């Protein structure tokens, strides 16, 4: 094989490796947010199921799930405060 082909393939592999690493890192963060938002949907459903006996209801939508998914417990407290004051 020609030396230029070998060097070109090596450079291509190095560039591809760093490109995949650069793309994969944000996708992992989005995956974590998606999993946490799915868990938030389940928790909102549980709160709505148990709160139906007390007349309490939180809107089950994407914005609520993302708020809890991104912010965690403070996000849940934020939604409860908004529900209480509005």
C-alpha atoms as a PDB file:
ATOM      1  CA  UNK A   1       0.000   0.000   0.000  1.00  0.00           C
ATOM      2  CA  UNK A   2       0.985   3.563  -0.577  1.00  0.00           C
ATOM      3  CA  UNK A   3       2.174   5.585   2.431  1.00  0.00           C
ATOM      4  CA  UNK A   4      -0.321   8.386   1.653  1.00  0.00           C
ATOM      5  CA  UNK A   5      -3.232   5.946   1.841  1.00  0.00           C
ATOM      6  CA  UNK A   6      -2.081   4.609   5.200  1.00  0.00           C
ATOM      7  CA  UNK A   7      -1.562   8.099   6.651  1.00  0.00           C
ATOM      8  CA  UNK A   8      -4.888   9.292   5.249  1.00  0.00           C
ATOM      9  CA  UNK A   9      -6.716   6.325   6.778  1.00  0.00           C
ATOM     10  CA  UNK A  10      -5.045   6.993  10.123  1.00  0.00           C
ATOM     11  CA  UNK A  11      -6.032  10.655  10.080  1.00  0.00           C
ATOM     12  CA  UNK A  12      -9.575   9.684   9.049  1.00  0.00           C
ATOM     13  CA  UNK A  13      -9.864   7.266  11.978  1.00  0.00           C
ATOM     14  CA  UNK A  14      -8.601   9.879  14.443  1.00  0.00           C
ATOM     15  CA  UNK A  15     -11.003  12.530  13.140  1.00  0.00           C
ATOM     16  CA  UNK A  16     -13.912  10.063  13.175  1.00  0.00           C
ATOM     17  CA  UNK A  17     -13.118   9.067  16.764  1.00  0.00           C
ATOM     18  CA  UNK A  18     -13.139  12.656  18.044  1.00  0.00           C
ATOM     19  CA  UNK A  19     -16.225  13.515  15.992  1.00  0.00           C
ATOM     20  CA  UNK A  20     -18.167  10.596  17.466  1.00  0.00           C
ATOM     21  CA  UNK A  21     -17.054  11.565  20.981  1.00  0.00           C
ATOM     22  CA  UNK A  22     -18.149  15.173  20.403  1.00  0.00           C
ATOM     23  CA  UNK A  23     -21.572  14.089  19.163  1.00  0.00           C
ATOM     24  CA  UNK A  24     -22.146  11.374  21.778  1.00  0.00           C
ATOM     25  CA  UNK A  25     -21.662  13.584  24.833  1.00  0.00           C
ATOM     26  CA  UNK A  26     -24.719  15.854  24.276  1.00  0.00           C
ATOM     27  CA  UNK A  27     -26.816  12.841  23.306  1.00  0.00           C
ATOM     28  CA  UNK A  28     -26.069  11.211  26.654  1.00  0.00           C
ATOM     29  CA  UNK A  29     -27.331  14.332  28.404  1.00  0.00           C
ATOM     30  CA  UNK A  30     -30.522  14.287  26.345  1.00  0.00           C
ATOM     31  CA  UNK A  31     -30.967  10.610  27.166  1.00  0.00           C
ATOM     32  CA  UNK A  32     -30.722  11.345  30.890  1.00  0.00           C
ATOM     33  CA  UNK A  33     -33.301  14.112  30.597  1.00  0.00           C
ATOM     34  CA  UNK A  34     -35.622  11.795  28.637  1.00  0.00           C
ATOM     35  CA  UNK A  35     -35.383   9.074  31.299  1.00  0.00           C
ATOM     36  CA  UNK A  36     -35.906  11.548  34.131  1.00  0.00           C
ATOM     37  CA  UNK A  37     -38.904  13.051  32.308  1.00  0.00           C
ATOM     38  CA  UNK A  38     -40.420   9.578  31.857  1.00  0.00           C
ATOM     39  CA  UNK A  39     -40.035   8.975  35.587  1.00  0.00           C
ATOM     40  CA  UNK A  40     -41.600  12.396  36.194  1.00  0.00           C
ATOM     41  CA  UNK A  41     -44.631  11.362  34.109  1.00  0.00           C
ATOM     42  CA  UNK A  42     -45.038   8.318  36.357  1.00  0.00           C
ATOM     43  CA  UNK A  43     -44.710  10.422  39.499  1.00  0.00           C
ATOM     44  CA  UNK A  44     -47.252  12.971  38.241  1.00  0.00           C
ATOM     45  CA  UNK A  45     -49.609  10.103  37.453  1.00  0.00           C
ATOM     46  CA  UNK A  46     -49.119   8.713  40.979  1.00  0.00           C
ATOM     47  CA  UNK A  47     -49.729  12.133  42.552  1.00  0.00           C
ATOM     48  CA  UNK A  48     -52.861  12.557  40.450  1.00  0.00           C
ATOM     49  CA  UNK A  49     -54.098   9.083  41.376  1.00  0.00           C
ATOM     50  CA  UNK A  50     -53.571   9.605  45.092  1.00  0.00           C
ATOM     51  CA  UNK A  51     -54.569  13.264  44.981  1.00  0.00           C
ATOM     52  CA  UNK A  52     -57.924  12.502  43.388  1.00  0.00           C
ATOM     53  CA  UNK A  53     -59.184  11.510  46.847  1.00  0.00           C
ATOM     54  CA  UNK A  54     -58.199  14.916  48.221  1.00  0.00           C
ATOM     55  CA  UNK A  55     -59.210  16.922  45.142  1.00  0.00           C
ATOM     56  CA  UNK A  56     -55.627  17.662  44.091  1.00  0.00           C
ATOM     57  CA  UNK A  57     -54.505  17.494  40.474  1.00  0.00           C
ATOM     58  CA  UNK A  58     -51.346  18.478  38.582  1.00  0.00           C
ATOM     59  CA  UNK A  59     -51.509  18.887  34.821  1.00  0.00           C
ATOM     60  CA  UNK A  60     -49.916  15.888  33.133  1.00  0.00           C
ATOM     61  CA  UNK A  61     -48.160  17.340  30.102  1.00  0.00           C
ATOM     62  CA  UNK A  62     -44.736  17.562  28.526  1.00  0.00           C
ATOM     63  CA  UNK A  63     -43.909  20.917  30.122  1.00  0.00           C
ATOM     64  CA  UNK A  64     -44.562  19.575  33.627  1.00  0.00           C
ATOM     65  CA  UNK A  65     -42.550  16.422  32.995  1.00  0.00           C
ATOM     66  CA  UNK A  66     -39.625  18.373  31.519  1.00  0.00           C
ATOM     67  CA  UNK A  67     -39.667  20.789  34.446  1.00  0.00           C
ATOM     68  CA  UNK A  68     -39.389  17.942  36.921  1.00  0.00           C
ATOM     69  CA  UNK A  69     -37.004  16.008  34.653  1.00  0.00           C
ATOM     70  CA  UNK A  70     -34.548  18.884  34.323  1.00  0.00           C
ATOM     71  CA  UNK A  71     -34.833  20.468  37.781  1.00  0.00           C
ATOM     72  CA  UNK A  72     -35.610  17.385  39.871  1.00  0.00           C
ATOM     73  CA  UNK A  73     -37.125  17.895  43.323  1.00  0.00           C
ATOM     74  CA  UNK A  74     -36.977  21.726  43.096  1.00  0.00           C
ATOM     75  CA  UNK A  75     -38.947  21.445  39.846  1.00  0.00           C
ATOM     76  CA  UNK A  76     -41.614  19.388  41.592  1.00  0.00           C
ATOM     77  CA  UNK A  77     -41.743  21.972  44.382  1.00  0.00           C
ATOM     78  CA  UNK A  78     -42.038  24.705  41.754  1.00  0.00           C
ATOM     79  CA  UNK A  79     -45.008  22.987  40.118  1.00  0.00           C
ATOM     80  CA  UNK A  80     -46.686  22.453  43.485  1.00  0.00           C
ATOM     81  CA  UNK A  81     -46.138  26.129  44.389  1.00  0.00           C
ATOM     82  CA  UNK A  82     -47.559  27.283  41.060  1.00  0.00           C
ATOM     83  CA  UNK A  83     -50.557  24.994  41.525  1.00  0.00           C
ATOM     84  CA  UNK A  84     -51.102  26.264  45.082  1.00  0.00           C
ATOM     85  CA  UNK A  85     -50.784  29.993  44.329  1.00  0.00           C
ATOM     86  CA  UNK A  86     -52.603  30.064  40.990  1.00  0.00           C
END
